[in-house]
Amino acid sequence: MISDKARLLNEVSTIASVINPDINELKLTRRIEEILSNYDISKKSKEQVVDDTEEMITAFLVAKELE
């Protein structure tokens, strides 16, 4: 089983490689690992994610009405 920290590291490295294909991925990965070692990382569960879609749509529509 892959840890949440390892998943985050993989996602960040992948995104950085897409943005800059010339990046030294090994150096980047090692540096990110150093930084992440200072943190406890866990992925949010579905219960922790707040669905504020309706609130955001309302705020957007109100802002559009003011324009």
Protein backbone atom coordinates (compact mmCIF):
# COMPACT_ATOMS: atom_id res chain seq x y z
CA MET A 1 0.00 0.00 0.00
CA ILE A 2 1.36 3.40 -0.98
CA SER A 3 1.40 6.09 1.69
CA ASP A 4 -0.36 9.40 1.20
CA LYS A 5 3.01 11.16 1.35
CA ALA A 6 4.34 8.95 -1.47
CA ARG A 7 1.24 9.65 -3.57
CA LEU A 8 1.65 13.39 -3.08
CA LEU A 9 5.33 13.16 -3.97
CA ASN A 10 4.48 11.24 -7.14
CA GLU A 11 1.75 13.67 -8.18
CA VAL A 12 3.94 16.74 -7.64
CA SER A 13 6.88 15.19 -9.49
CA THR A 14 4.65 14.21 -12.40
CA ILE A 15 3.14 17.68 -12.68
CA ALA A 16 6.57 19.31 -12.51
CA SER A 17 7.85 17.00 -15.26
CA VAL A 18 4.92 17.88 -17.49
CA ILE A 19 5.41 21.59 -16.90
CA ASN A 20 9.17 21.40 -17.42
CA PRO A 21 10.33 18.24 -19.25
CA ASP A 22 13.99 19.22 -18.72
CA ILE A 23 13.71 19.10 -14.93
CA ASN A 24 15.97 16.74 -13.02
CA GLU A 25 13.25 14.56 -11.57
CA LEU A 26 15.56 12.67 -9.20
CA LYS A 27 16.84 15.89 -7.59
CA LEU A 28 13.32 17.28 -7.41
CA THR A 29 11.99 14.11 -5.78
CA ARG A 30 14.76 14.06 -3.19
CA ARG A 31 14.23 17.74 -2.33
CA ILE A 32 10.47 17.29 -1.99
CA GLU A 33 11.06 14.22 0.21
CA GLU A 34 13.27 16.36 2.47
CA ILE A 35 10.56 18.98 2.79
CA LEU A 36 7.74 16.48 3.32
CA SER A 37 9.65 14.64 6.02
CA ASN A 38 8.78 17.53 8.34
CA TYR A 39 5.03 16.97 7.89
CA ASP A 40 2.38 14.38 8.63
CA ILE A 41 0.34 14.05 5.47
CA SER A 42 -2.94 12.27 5.04
CA LYS A 43 -5.41 12.46 2.19
CA LYS A 44 -8.81 13.84 3.05
CA SER A 45 -11.56 11.31 3.24
CA LYS A 46 -14.82 11.96 1.45
CA GLU A 47 -16.39 12.89 4.81
CA GLN A 48 -13.79 15.66 5.31
CA VAL A 49 -14.46 17.27 1.94
CA VAL A 50 -17.04 20.02 2.18
CA ASP A 51 -19.25 20.41 -0.87
CA ASP A 52 -19.74 24.15 -1.22
CA THR A 53 -20.74 24.04 -4.88
CA GLU A 54 -24.21 25.46 -4.32
CA GLU A 55 -22.83 28.28 -2.16
CA MET A 56 -20.17 29.14 -4.75
CA ILE A 57 -22.72 29.17 -7.59
CA THR A 58 -24.96 31.50 -5.61
CA ALA A 59 -22.03 33.84 -4.86
CA PHE A 60 -21.06 33.83 -8.55
CA LEU A 61 -24.60 34.63 -9.69
CA VAL A 62 -24.92 37.45 -7.15
CA ALA A 63 -21.61 38.89 -8.33
CA LYS A 64 -22.79 38.71 -11.96
CA GLU A 65 -26.00 40.53 -11.07
CA LEU A 66 -23.95 43.36 -9.56
CA GLU A 67 -22.00 43.84 -12.79
